[in-house]
Amino acid sequence: YPMIRRAGSDKFERITWDAALDKIARAFKDDRDANFIARNKDGVTVNRWTTTGFLAASATTNETAWCTYKTVRSLGMLVFDNQARV
């Protein structure tokens, strides 16, 4: 089950999966909206999101890795790594 430690608290509390996923989605959306770069200084479309990255698992299938890569890149993330490289 997911847990959260709220600001100023010294303990974790249980939350539902819906609440956890909503919190993650909200954080992603807020950061992307604030930092997404649609065009560079020359007006060329670049669609970049450089303030958030993604670390993928190495113990996965090629199909899962492909889906993960496509999802991350479709969001505009440039920072993408795989733990197999670590």
Protein backbone atom coordinates (compact mmCIF):
# COMPACT_ATOMS: atom_id res chain seq x y z
CA TYR A 1 0.00 0.00 0.00
CA PRO A 2 1.20 3.53 -0.68
CA MET A 3 2.23 5.83 2.14
CA ILE A 4 2.87 9.55 2.38
CA ARG A 5 4.70 11.78 4.81
CA ARG A 6 3.04 15.16 4.80
CA ALA A 7 5.03 18.37 5.15
CA GLY A 8 6.03 18.99 8.77
CA SER A 9 5.12 15.47 9.88
CA ASP A 10 7.54 12.92 11.30
CA LYS A 11 5.50 9.84 10.36
CA PHE A 12 4.04 8.18 7.30
CA GLU A 13 0.36 7.52 6.79
CA ARG A 14 -1.46 5.17 4.47
CA ILE A 15 -3.28 6.55 1.47
CA THR A 16 -5.28 4.83 -1.24
CA TRP A 17 -3.80 3.91 -4.60
CA ASP A 18 -6.18 6.39 -6.23
CA ALA A 19 -4.91 9.19 -3.98
CA ALA A 20 -1.26 8.21 -4.61
CA LEU A 21 -1.65 8.08 -8.39
CA ASP A 22 -3.61 11.35 -8.40
CA LYS A 23 -0.81 13.03 -6.41
CA ILE A 24 1.84 11.73 -8.82
CA ALA A 25 -0.18 12.78 -11.88
CA ARG A 26 -0.77 16.26 -10.41
CA ALA A 27 2.94 16.74 -9.69
CA PHE A 28 3.87 15.65 -13.23
CA LYS A 29 1.23 17.92 -14.82
CA ASP A 30 2.14 20.96 -12.72
CA ASP A 31 5.85 20.59 -13.47
CA ARG A 32 5.29 19.96 -17.18
CA ASP A 33 2.95 22.94 -17.51
CA ALA A 34 5.46 25.20 -15.75
CA ASN A 35 8.57 24.02 -17.61
CA PHE A 36 7.58 22.69 -21.03
CA ILE A 37 9.49 24.29 -23.91
CA ALA A 38 7.48 24.22 -27.14
CA ARG A 39 9.87 26.30 -29.27
CA ASN A 40 13.50 27.30 -28.97
CA LYS A 41 14.76 30.88 -29.27
CA ASP A 42 14.81 30.59 -33.08
CA GLY A 43 11.15 29.55 -33.20
CA VAL A 44 11.87 25.93 -34.07
CA THR A 45 9.45 23.42 -32.50
CA VAL A 46 11.38 21.34 -29.94
CA ASN A 47 8.71 20.08 -27.44
CA ARG A 48 11.07 19.57 -24.50
CA TRP A 49 10.48 18.88 -20.83
CA THR A 50 13.85 18.99 -19.10
CA THR A 51 12.99 19.36 -15.39
CA THR A 52 11.77 15.80 -14.85
CA GLY A 53 13.43 12.52 -15.74
CA PHE A 54 12.56 8.85 -15.80
CA LEU A 55 14.48 5.77 -14.68
CA ALA A 56 13.30 2.50 -16.22
CA ALA A 57 13.79 -1.06 -15.01
CA SER A 58 16.26 -3.40 -16.62
CA ALA A 59 14.40 -6.64 -15.86
CA THR A 60 11.61 -6.19 -18.37
CA THR A 61 10.55 -7.38 -21.78
CA ASN A 62 11.43 -5.61 -25.01
CA GLU A 63 7.76 -4.80 -25.49
CA THR A 64 7.46 -3.16 -22.07
CA ALA A 65 10.69 -1.24 -22.63
CA TRP A 66 9.38 0.00 -25.99
CA CYS A 67 6.07 1.16 -24.44
CA THR A 68 7.92 2.90 -21.60
CA TYR A 69 10.26 4.66 -24.02
CA LYS A 70 7.37 5.83 -26.21
CA THR A 71 5.40 7.10 -23.20
CA VAL A 72 8.34 9.02 -21.74
CA ARG A 73 9.30 10.55 -25.08
CA SER A 74 5.69 11.44 -25.93
CA LEU A 75 5.60 13.55 -22.76
CA GLY A 76 8.65 15.45 -24.03
CA MET A 77 11.08 14.14 -21.41
CA LEU A 78 14.70 14.27 -22.49
CA VAL A 79 16.15 12.76 -19.31
CA PHE A 80 15.60 9.01 -19.64
CA ASP A 81 17.89 6.27 -18.37
CA ASN A 82 17.83 2.57 -17.64
CA GLN A 83 19.15 0.98 -14.47
CA ALA A 84 20.92 -1.66 -16.54
CA ARG A 85 23.45 1.02 -17.40
CA VAL A 86 24.11 1.90 -13.74
